[in-house]
Amino acid sequence: MGKARGEGRGAALLVALLLMCALLGLTGCTANGKEATGSGTLRVGVRSDVVGFGYLNEETGKHYGLEIDIAEELAKRLGYADIEYVDVLPENRKEMLQDGKVDCLIACYSVSETRLANFDFSPAYYNDLSIVMVEDSSLVGGIEQLKGMTFGAMAGSNTAPQLVIKLTELGFTSGEPLAQTEDKSETRFDTFRLVQIESYQELSRRLEEGSIDAACMDGSIAEMYLSADRSILDFSIDSQEYGVATQKDSALSKPTADAMQSMLDDGTITTLTDKWD
């Protein structure tokens, strides 16, 4: 009997709490009494085409990958009741976050000085190197052999500008663009041509057909497109650190950084990374 009265009081308290949330307009309140950082749903910009990180299975309609698992855990630690995945691409993810169409980006988005000027980033959850991949049939065995040839990189990624910087530092090129298409997808330099391509699948296809001589991308992504007929050159463009991006000085930035740091400290990130490696 006492147990029944206790359960009744508990139910009444829960109803009262939910009613208070509704009356005060506290959309961040959740049924467990925790105050969410934002609204009841965390909108996360993710990739839908990068196996192992963010991939949409069109048959099931579900997303899978390391970044999807990180997003789920982050939303839970921030107290959100639900999570919504919004597919983004390298060429539109910046605008999606700036315009508030997503609350954060967990989308193979690497930290850089230019991006730090516009966004806040959590501590890095994944470290990688951007590399150069070639077809073995090209007989290219080193970066110097690519003089006069065409490099391909993902549009909207850090890799293209980092490649130009690295090749300039090496003395491979002067680094000064000589000509550029109107849409800026192709740039001609003194010793090479750089083409920016819309997807990794297309980048791989263009390498296979020979319209580009080298494909530049993050090493973890290159593994998906590496075959017995391809090689990765002994040359790295730059290091890449993936972090969770939020709007500059937003209320979500510090809680996100703190939650991600706790996931690094307690081994959650290591566990999830090992799961998908």
C-alpha atoms as a PDB file:
ATOM      1  CA  MET A   1       0.000   0.000   0.000  1.00  0.00           C
ATOM      2  CA  GLY A   2       2.833   2.369   0.922  1.00  0.00           C
ATOM      3  CA  LYS A   3       4.581   1.363  -2.271  1.00  0.00           C
ATOM      4  CA  ALA A   4       1.474   2.256  -4.296  1.00  0.00           C
ATOM      5  CA  ARG A   5       1.267   5.674  -2.604  1.00  0.00           C
ATOM      6  CA  GLY A   6       4.974   6.245  -3.370  1.00  0.00           C
ATOM      7  CA  GLU A   7       4.495   5.365  -7.024  1.00  0.00           C
ATOM      8  CA  GLY A   8       1.481   7.678  -7.173  1.00  0.00           C
ATOM      9  CA  ARG A   9       3.480  10.575  -5.715  1.00  0.00           C
ATOM     10  CA  GLY A  10       6.298   9.877  -8.200  1.00  0.00           C
ATOM     11  CA  ALA A  11       3.882   9.958 -11.125  1.00  0.00           C
ATOM     12  CA  ALA A  12       2.319  13.176  -9.840  1.00  0.00           C
ATOM     13  CA  LEU A  13       5.742  14.809  -9.534  1.00  0.00           C
ATOM     14  CA  LEU A  14       6.600  13.808 -13.090  1.00  0.00           C
ATOM     15  CA  VAL A  15       3.330  15.274 -14.404  1.00  0.00           C
ATOM     16  CA  ALA A  16       3.947  18.478 -12.425  1.00  0.00           C
ATOM     17  CA  LEU A  17       7.465  18.765 -13.822  1.00  0.00           C
ATOM     18  CA  LEU A  18       6.277  18.328 -17.402  1.00  0.00           C
ATOM     19  CA  LEU A  19       3.474  20.842 -16.831  1.00  0.00           C
ATOM     20  CA  MET A  20       5.974  23.370 -15.449  1.00  0.00           C
ATOM     21  CA  CYS A  21       8.153  22.945 -18.502  1.00  0.00           C
ATOM     22  CA  ALA A  22       5.188  23.556 -20.779  1.00  0.00           C
ATOM     23  CA  LEU A  23       3.986  26.630 -18.849  1.00  0.00           C
ATOM     24  CA  LEU A  24       7.436  28.219 -18.712  1.00  0.00           C
ATOM     25  CA  GLY A  25       8.215  27.430 -22.332  1.00  0.00           C
ATOM     26  CA  LEU A  26      11.311  25.473 -21.347  1.00  0.00           C
ATOM     27  CA  THR A  27      11.745  23.471 -24.513  1.00  0.00           C
ATOM     28  CA  GLY A  28      15.018  22.162 -23.141  1.00  0.00           C
ATOM     29  CA  CYS A  29      13.345  20.290 -20.282  1.00  0.00           C
ATOM     30  CA  THR A  30      13.278  16.537 -20.585  1.00  0.00           C
ATOM     31  CA  ALA A  31      11.222  13.896 -18.851  1.00  0.00           C
ATOM     32  CA  ASN A  32      14.151  12.873 -16.630  1.00  0.00           C
ATOM     33  CA  GLY A  33      14.338  16.391 -15.214  1.00  0.00           C
ATOM     34  CA  LYS A  34      17.637  17.267 -16.877  1.00  0.00           C
ATOM     35  CA  GLU A  35      17.950  20.572 -18.677  1.00  0.00           C
ATOM     36  CA  ALA A  36      19.010  20.060 -22.281  1.00  0.00           C
ATOM     37  CA  THR A  37      21.569  22.377 -23.817  1.00  0.00           C
ATOM     38  CA  GLY A  38      19.309  23.330 -26.716  1.00  0.00           C
ATOM     39  CA  SER A  39      15.916  22.191 -27.921  1.00  0.00           C
ATOM     40  CA  GLY A  40      14.539  18.699 -27.462  1.00  0.00           C
ATOM     41  CA  THR A  41      16.182  17.619 -30.727  1.00  0.00           C
ATOM     42  CA  LEU A  42      19.842  18.065 -31.581  1.00  0.00           C
ATOM     43  CA  ARG A  43      20.266  18.647 -35.329  1.00  0.00           C
ATOM     44  CA  VAL A  44      23.613  17.261 -36.424  1.00  0.00           C
ATOM     45  CA  GLY A  45      25.150  17.816 -39.834  1.00  0.00           C
ATOM     46  CA  VAL A  46      26.704  14.518 -40.946  1.00  0.00           C
ATOM     47  CA  ARG A  47      28.135  12.932 -44.070  1.00  0.00           C
ATOM     48  CA  SER A  48      26.065  10.312 -45.833  1.00  0.00           C
ATOM     49  CA  ASP A  49      28.747   9.061 -48.232  1.00  0.00           C
ATOM     50  CA  VAL A  50      31.814   8.262 -46.115  1.00  0.00           C
ATOM     51  CA  VAL A  51      31.794   4.617 -45.055  1.00  0.00           C
ATOM     52  CA  GLY A  52      33.100   4.197 -41.523  1.00  0.00           C
ATOM     53  CA  PHE A  53      32.353   7.807 -40.564  1.00  0.00           C
ATOM     54  CA  GLY A  54      28.908   8.792 -41.794  1.00  0.00           C
ATOM     55  CA  TYR A  55      27.011   6.653 -44.273  1.00  0.00           C
ATOM     56  CA  LEU A  56      23.311   6.526 -45.131  1.00  0.00           C
ATOM     57  CA  ASN A  57      21.924   3.083 -45.930  1.00  0.00           C
ATOM     58  CA  GLU A  58      19.172   3.992 -48.368  1.00  0.00           C
ATOM     59  CA  GLU A  59      17.422   0.651 -47.857  1.00  0.00           C
ATOM     60  CA  THR A  60      17.041   1.096 -44.103  1.00  0.00           C
ATOM     61  CA  GLY A  61      17.062   4.902 -44.068  1.00  0.00           C
ATOM     62  CA  LYS A  62      19.561   4.796 -41.188  1.00  0.00           C
ATOM     63  CA  HIS A  63      22.973   6.386 -40.785  1.00  0.00           C
ATOM     64  CA  TYR A  64      25.984   4.381 -39.639  1.00  0.00           C
ATOM     65  CA  GLY A  65      29.588   5.098 -38.725  1.00  0.00           C
ATOM     66  CA  LEU A  66      31.963   6.494 -36.127  1.00  0.00           C
ATOM     67  CA  GLU A  67      30.580  10.034 -36.331  1.00  0.00           C
ATOM     68  CA  ILE A  68      27.011   8.770 -36.027  1.00  0.00           C
ATOM     69  CA  ASP A  69      27.887   6.916 -32.818  1.00  0.00           C
ATOM     70  CA  ILE A  70      29.689  10.010 -31.510  1.00  0.00           C
ATOM     71  CA  ALA A  71      26.643  12.156 -32.284  1.00  0.00           C
ATOM     72  CA  GLU A  72      24.353   9.733 -30.421  1.00  0.00           C
ATOM     73  CA  GLU A  73      26.578   9.765 -27.346  1.00  0.00           C
ATOM     74  CA  LEU A  74      27.028  13.546 -27.474  1.00  0.00           C
ATOM     75  CA  ALA A  75      23.269  14.158 -27.655  1.00  0.00           C
ATOM     76  CA  LYS A  76      22.761  11.846 -24.684  1.00  0.00           C
ATOM     77  CA  ARG A  77      25.397  13.601 -22.572  1.00  0.00           C
ATOM     78  CA  LEU A  78      23.986  17.018 -23.430  1.00  0.00           C
ATOM     79  CA  GLY A  79      20.530  15.906 -22.295  1.00  0.00           C
ATOM     80  CA  TYR A  80      18.723  15.987 -25.643  1.00  0.00           C
ATOM     81  CA  ALA A  81      15.682  13.777 -26.001  1.00  0.00           C
ATOM     82  CA  ASP A  82      16.202  13.153 -29.711  1.00  0.00           C
ATOM     83  CA  ILE A  83      18.657  13.609 -32.564  1.00  0.00           C
ATOM     84  CA  GLU A  84      18.096  14.532 -36.203  1.00  0.00           C
ATOM     85  CA  TYR A  85      20.690  13.804 -38.874  1.00  0.00           C
ATOM     86  CA  VAL A  86      21.018  16.347 -41.667  1.00  0.00           C
ATOM     87  CA  ASP A  87      23.149  15.266 -44.626  1.00  0.00           C
ATOM     88  CA  VAL A  88      25.800  17.830 -45.542  1.00  0.00           C
ATOM     89  CA  LEU A  89      28.509  18.039 -48.199  1.00  0.00           C
ATOM     90  CA  PRO A  90      31.930  19.715 -48.081  1.00  0.00           C
ATOM     91  CA  GLU A  91      30.671  22.540 -50.288  1.00  0.00           C
ATOM     92  CA  ASN A  92      27.577  23.392 -48.176  1.00  0.00           C
ATOM     93  CA  ARG A  93      28.333  22.364 -44.584  1.00  0.00           C
ATOM     94  CA  LYS A  94      29.804  25.752 -43.643  1.00  0.00           C
ATOM     95  CA  GLU A  95      26.655  27.582 -44.761  1.00  0.00           C
ATOM     96  CA  MET A  96      24.394  24.970 -43.124  1.00  0.00           C
ATOM     97  CA  LEU A  97      25.976  25.705 -39.737  1.00  0.00           C
ATOM     98  CA  GLN A  98      26.205  29.471 -40.243  1.00  0.00           C
ATOM     99  CA  ASP A  99      22.528  29.646 -41.253  1.00  0.00           C
ATOM    100  CA  GLY A 100      21.404  27.583 -38.263  1.00  0.00           C
ATOM    101  CA  LYS A 101      20.110  24.689 -40.362  1.00  0.00           C
ATOM    102  CA  VAL A 102      22.137  22.408 -38.095  1.00  0.00           C
ATOM    103  CA  ASP A 103      23.214  22.870 -34.484  1.00  0.00           C
ATOM    104  CA  CYS A 104      26.622  21.321 -35.001  1.00  0.00           C
ATOM    105  CA  LEU A 105      28.747  19.529 -37.573  1.00  0.00           C
ATOM    106  CA  ILE A 106      30.188  16.057 -37.033  1.00  0.00           C
ATOM    107  CA  ALA A 107      31.099  15.553 -40.661  1.00  0.00           C
ATOM    108  CA  CYS A 108      34.804  14.819 -41.219  1.00  0.00           C
ATOM    109  CA  TYR A 109      35.241  18.544 -40.565  1.00  0.00           C
ATOM    110  CA  SER A 110      38.867  19.252 -39.739  1.00  0.00           C
ATOM    111  CA  VAL A 111      40.097  22.080 -37.545  1.00  0.00           C
ATOM    112  CA  SER A 112      42.003  24.864 -39.305  1.00  0.00           C
ATOM    113  CA  GLU A 113      42.900  28.473 -38.573  1.00  0.00           C
ATOM    114  CA  THR A 114      40.465  29.812 -41.170  1.00  0.00           C
ATOM    115  CA  ARG A 115      37.628  27.706 -39.764  1.00  0.00           C
ATOM    116  CA  LEU A 116      38.450  28.714 -36.176  1.00  0.00           C
ATOM    117  CA  ALA A 117      37.820  32.297 -37.229  1.00  0.00           C
ATOM    118  CA  ASN A 118      34.209  31.381 -38.044  1.00  0.00           C
ATOM    119  CA  PHE A 119      33.350  28.474 -35.744  1.00  0.00           C
ATOM    120  CA  ASP A 120      34.110  26.917 -32.378  1.00  0.00           C
ATOM    121  CA  PHE A 121      35.516  23.382 -32.313  1.00  0.00           C
ATOM    122  CA  SER A 122      35.535  20.675 -29.696  1.00  0.00           C
ATOM    123  CA  PRO A 123      38.726  18.799 -28.858  1.00  0.00           C
ATOM    124  CA  ALA A 124      39.650  16.551 -31.807  1.00  0.00           C
ATOM    125  CA  TYR A 125      38.099  13.082 -31.824  1.00  0.00           C
ATOM    126  CA  TYR A 126      40.069  11.749 -34.818  1.00  0.00           C
ATOM    127  CA  ASN A 127      43.545  12.442 -36.220  1.00  0.00           C
ATOM    128  CA  ASP A 128      44.501  11.677 -39.797  1.00  0.00           C
ATOM    129  CA  LEU A 129      46.905  12.560 -42.613  1.00  0.00           C
ATOM    130  CA  SER A 130      45.850  13.720 -46.065  1.00  0.00           C
ATOM    131  CA  ILE A 131      47.636  11.700 -48.753  1.00  0.00           C
ATOM    132  CA  VAL A 132      48.145  11.325 -52.522  1.00  0.00           C
ATOM    133  CA  MET A 133      46.919   8.178 -54.294  1.00  0.00           C
ATOM    134  CA  VAL A 134      47.855   7.111 -57.840  1.00  0.00           C
ATOM    135  CA  GLU A 135      47.104   4.295 -60.258  1.00  0.00           C
ATOM    136  CA  ASP A 136      50.016   1.841 -60.494  1.00  0.00           C
ATOM    137  CA  SER A 137      49.661   1.890 -64.283  1.00  0.00           C
ATOM    138  CA  SER A 138      50.791   5.543 -64.243  1.00  0.00           C
ATOM    139  CA  LEU A 139      54.236   4.369 -63.032  1.00  0.00           C
ATOM    140  CA  VAL A 140      54.330   7.393 -60.714  1.00  0.00           C
ATOM    141  CA  GLY A 141      56.396   6.517 -57.666  1.00  0.00           C
ATOM    142  CA  GLY A 142      57.029   9.924 -56.119  1.00  0.00           C
ATOM    143  CA  ILE A 143      55.612  13.412 -55.903  1.00  0.00           C
ATOM    144  CA  GLU A 144      58.238  14.921 -58.251  1.00  0.00           C
ATOM    145  CA  GLN A 145      56.994  12.690 -61.064  1.00  0.00           C
ATOM    146  CA  LEU A 146      53.633  14.480 -60.932  1.00  0.00           C
ATOM    147  CA  LYS A 147      55.012  17.710 -62.375  1.00  0.00           C
ATOM    148  CA  GLY A 148      52.955  18.710 -65.388  1.00  0.00           C
ATOM    149  CA  MET A 149      50.104  16.438 -64.275  1.00  0.00           C
ATOM    150  CA  THR A 150      46.659  16.873 -62.711  1.00  0.00           C
ATOM    151  CA  PHE A 151      45.769  16.534 -59.025  1.00  0.00           C
ATOM    152  CA  GLY A 152      42.188  15.993 -57.864  1.00  0.00           C
ATOM    153  CA  ALA A 153      40.798  16.896 -54.441  1.00  0.00           C
ATOM    154  CA  MET A 154      37.381  17.175 -52.806  1.00  0.00           C
ATOM    155  CA  ALA A 155      35.606  20.484 -53.368  1.00  0.00           C
ATOM    156  CA  GLY A 156      35.136  22.399 -50.109  1.00  0.00           C
ATOM    157  CA  SER A 157      37.782  20.445 -48.208  1.00  0.00           C
ATOM    158  CA  ASN A 158      40.999  21.678 -46.601  1.00  0.00           C
ATOM    159  CA  THR A 159      43.025  19.344 -48.788  1.00  0.00           C
ATOM    160  CA  ALA A 160      43.138  21.520 -51.931  1.00  0.00           C
ATOM    161  CA  PRO A 161      44.619  24.683 -50.311  1.00  0.00           C
ATOM    162  CA  GLN A 162      46.898  22.563 -48.099  1.00  0.00           C
ATOM    163  CA  LEU A 163      48.223  20.766 -51.188  1.00  0.00           C
ATOM    164  CA  VAL A 164      49.149  24.064 -52.851  1.00  0.00           C
ATOM    165  CA  ILE A 165      50.905  25.241 -49.672  1.00  0.00           C
ATOM    166  CA  LYS A 166      52.842  21.986 -49.302  1.00  0.00           C
ATOM    167  CA  LEU A 167      53.927  21.872 -52.965  1.00  0.00           C
ATOM    168  CA  THR A 168      55.017  25.516 -52.757  1.00  0.00           C
ATOM    169  CA  GLU A 169      57.087  24.817 -49.637  1.00  0.00           C
ATOM    170  CA  LEU A 170      58.768  21.937 -51.455  1.00  0.00           C
ATOM    171  CA  GLY A 171      59.666  24.125 -54.421  1.00  0.00           C
ATOM    172  CA  PHE A 172      57.459  21.983 -56.667  1.00  0.00           C
ATOM    173  CA  THR A 173      55.555  25.124 -57.748  1.00  0.00           C
ATOM    174  CA  SER A 174      55.599  28.886 -57.334  1.00  0.00           C
ATOM    175  CA  GLY A 175      52.108  28.586 -55.868  1.00  0.00           C
ATOM    176  CA  GLU A 176      50.740  31.366 -58.073  1.00  0.00           C
ATOM    177  CA  PRO A 177      47.566  30.419 -59.993  1.00  0.00           C
ATOM    178  CA  LEU A 178      47.847  31.182 -63.706  1.00  0.00           C
ATOM    179  CA  ALA A 179      44.254  30.512 -64.737  1.00  0.00           C
ATOM    180  CA  GLN A 180      41.004  29.395 -63.157  1.00  0.00           C
ATOM    181  CA  THR A 181      37.583  28.356 -64.413  1.00  0.00           C
ATOM    182  CA  GLU A 182      34.664  30.606 -63.568  1.00  0.00           C
ATOM    183  CA  ASP A 183      33.263  28.147 -61.028  1.00  0.00           C
ATOM    184  CA  LYS A 184      36.769  27.766 -59.497  1.00  0.00           C
ATOM    185  CA  SER A 185      36.640  23.996 -59.891  1.00  0.00           C
ATOM    186  CA  GLU A 186      39.860  23.939 -61.926  1.00  0.00           C
ATOM    187  CA  THR A 187      43.032  25.950 -61.362  1.00  0.00           C
ATOM    188  CA  ARG A 188      46.187  25.869 -63.465  1.00  0.00           C
ATOM    189  CA  PHE A 189      49.549  26.488 -61.842  1.00  0.00           C
ATOM    190  CA  ASP A 190      52.999  26.596 -63.426  1.00  0.00           C
ATOM    191  CA  THR A 191      53.772  22.921 -62.825  1.00  0.00           C
ATOM    192  CA  PHE A 192      50.414  21.235 -62.246  1.00  0.00           C
ATOM    193  CA  ARG A 193      46.642  21.489 -62.561  1.00  0.00           C
ATOM    194  CA  LEU A 194      44.265  21.182 -59.614  1.00  0.00           C
ATOM    195  CA  VAL A 195      40.691  19.940 -60.067  1.00  0.00           C
ATOM    196  CA  GLN A 196      38.155  20.084 -57.222  1.00  0.00           C
ATOM    197  CA  ILE A 197      35.556  17.312 -57.460  1.00  0.00           C
ATOM    198  CA  GLU A 198      32.154  16.969 -55.783  1.00  0.00           C
ATOM    199  CA  SER A 199      32.386  13.481 -54.228  1.00  0.00           C
ATOM    200  CA  TYR A 200      34.904  10.849 -53.231  1.00  0.00           C
ATOM    201  CA  GLN A 201      33.242   8.356 -55.551  1.00  0.00           C
ATOM    202  CA  GLU A 202      33.703  10.740 -58.473  1.00  0.00           C
ATOM    203  CA  LEU A 203      37.264  11.468 -57.392  1.00  0.00           C
ATOM    204  CA  SER A 204      38.011   7.742 -57.483  1.00  0.00           C
ATOM    205  CA  ARG A 205      36.289   7.313 -60.844  1.00  0.00           C
ATOM    206  CA  ARG A 206      38.218  10.204 -62.373  1.00  0.00           C
ATOM    207  CA  LEU A 207      41.478   8.648 -61.161  1.00  0.00           C
ATOM    208  CA  GLU A 208      40.549   5.325 -62.723  1.00  0.00           C
ATOM    209  CA  GLU A 209      39.628   6.842 -66.093  1.00  0.00           C
ATOM    210  CA  GLY A 210      42.778   8.968 -66.118  1.00  0.00           C
ATOM    211  CA  SER A 211      41.261  12.451 -66.238  1.00  0.00           C
ATOM    212  CA  ILE A 212      43.254  13.136 -63.062  1.00  0.00           C
ATOM    213  CA  ASP A 213      46.676  11.648 -62.313  1.00  0.00           C
ATOM    214  CA  ALA A 214      46.549  11.787 -58.506  1.00  0.00           C
ATOM    215  CA  ALA A 215      43.721  11.780 -55.966  1.00  0.00           C
ATOM    216  CA  CYS A 216      44.227  13.712 -52.731  1.00  0.00           C
ATOM    217  CA  MET A 217      42.142  12.876 -49.662  1.00  0.00           C
ATOM    218  CA  ASP A 218      42.317  11.935 -45.985  1.00  0.00           C
ATOM    219  CA  GLY A 219      44.107   8.633 -45.437  1.00  0.00           C
ATOM    220  CA  SER A 220      41.214   6.974 -43.601  1.00  0.00           C
ATOM    221  CA  ILE A 221      38.908   7.753 -46.520  1.00  0.00           C
ATOM    222  CA  ALA A 222      41.515   6.696 -49.105  1.00  0.00           C
ATOM    223  CA  GLU A 223      41.498   3.196 -47.615  1.00  0.00           C
ATOM    224  CA  MET A 224      37.984   2.698 -49.003  1.00  0.00           C
ATOM    225  CA  TYR A 225      39.183   3.405 -52.538  1.00  0.00           C
ATOM    226  CA  LEU A 226      42.561   1.696 -52.364  1.00  0.00           C
ATOM    227  CA  SER A 227      42.926  -1.445 -54.491  1.00  0.00           C
ATOM    228  CA  ALA A 228      45.622  -3.819 -55.708  1.00  0.00           C
ATOM    229  CA  ASP A 229      46.049  -1.517 -58.719  1.00  0.00           C
ATOM    230  CA  ARG A 230      46.629   1.674 -56.692  1.00  0.00           C
ATOM    231  CA  SER A 231      49.305   3.013 -54.385  1.00  0.00           C
ATOM    232  CA  ILE A 232      49.632   5.768 -51.807  1.00  0.00           C
ATOM    233  CA  LEU A 233      52.766   7.836 -52.319  1.00  0.00           C
ATOM    234  CA  ASP A 234      55.304   8.265 -49.525  1.00  0.00           C
ATOM    235  CA  PHE A 235      54.173  11.867 -49.132  1.00  0.00           C
ATOM    236  CA  SER A 236      51.685  13.502 -46.778  1.00  0.00           C
ATOM    237  CA  ILE A 237      49.972  16.798 -47.501  1.00  0.00           C
ATOM    238  CA  ASP A 238      49.066  17.751 -43.938  1.00  0.00           C
ATOM    239  CA  SER A 239      47.610  16.419 -40.698  1.00  0.00           C
ATOM    240  CA  GLN A 240      43.874  16.573 -40.186  1.00  0.00           C
ATOM    241  CA  GLU A 241      42.075  16.751 -36.847  1.00  0.00           C
ATOM    242  CA  TYR A 242      38.323  16.193 -36.903  1.00  0.00           C
ATOM    243  CA  GLY A 243      36.330  18.109 -34.294  1.00  0.00           C
ATOM    244  CA  VAL A 244      32.693  18.953 -33.595  1.00  0.00           C
ATOM    245  CA  ALA A 245      31.975  22.420 -34.988  1.00  0.00           C
ATOM    246  CA  THR A 246      29.414  24.786 -33.472  1.00  0.00           C
ATOM    247  CA  GLN A 247      28.486  28.394 -34.171  1.00  0.00           C
ATOM    248  CA  LYS A 248      31.013  30.923 -32.877  1.00  0.00           C
ATOM    249  CA  ASP A 249      30.436  31.828 -29.196  1.00  0.00           C
ATOM    250  CA  SER A 250      27.146  29.922 -29.143  1.00  0.00           C
ATOM    251  CA  ALA A 251      25.578  28.538 -25.965  1.00  0.00           C
ATOM    252  CA  LEU A 252      26.238  25.052 -27.345  1.00  0.00           C
ATOM    253  CA  SER A 253      29.996  25.474 -27.803  1.00  0.00           C
ATOM    254  CA  LYS A 254      31.289  24.984 -24.248  1.00  0.00           C
ATOM    255  CA  PRO A 255      28.920  22.133 -23.279  1.00  0.00           C
ATOM    256  CA  THR A 256      29.869  20.363 -26.516  1.00  0.00           C
ATOM    257  CA  ALA A 257      33.598  20.841 -25.887  1.00  0.00           C
ATOM    258  CA  ASP A 258      33.205  19.623 -22.298  1.00  0.00           C
ATOM    259  CA  ALA A 259      31.182  16.571 -23.334  1.00  0.00           C
ATOM    260  CA  MET A 260      33.672  15.643 -26.045  1.00  0.00           C
ATOM    261  CA  GLN A 261      36.573  16.039 -23.626  1.00  0.00           C
ATOM    262  CA  SER A 262      34.826  13.720 -21.167  1.00  0.00           C
ATOM    263  CA  MET A 263      34.334  11.177 -23.984  1.00  0.00           C
ATOM    264  CA  LEU A 264      38.064  11.349 -24.691  1.00  0.00           C
ATOM    265  CA  ASP A 265      38.978  11.103 -20.995  1.00  0.00           C
ATOM    266  CA  ASP A 266      36.756   8.107 -20.191  1.00  0.00           C
ATOM    267  CA  GLY A 267      37.796   6.109 -23.255  1.00  0.00           C
ATOM    268  CA  THR A 268      34.496   6.356 -25.139  1.00  0.00           C
ATOM    269  CA  ILE A 269      36.136   7.829 -28.247  1.00  0.00           C
ATOM    270  CA  THR A 270      38.799   5.102 -28.263  1.00  0.00           C
ATOM    271  CA  THR A 271      36.137   2.411 -27.961  1.00  0.00           C
ATOM    272  CA  LEU A 272      34.065   3.846 -30.809  1.00  0.00           C
ATOM    273  CA  THR A 273      37.122   4.374 -33.020  1.00  0.00           C
ATOM    274  CA  ASP A 274      38.244   0.775 -32.468  1.00  0.00           C
ATOM    275  CA  LYS A 275      34.735  -0.387 -33.367  1.00  0.00           C
ATOM    276  CA  TRP A 276      34.875   1.253 -36.796  1.00  0.00           C
ATOM    277  CA  ASP A 277      38.581   0.830 -37.646  1.00  0.00           C
END
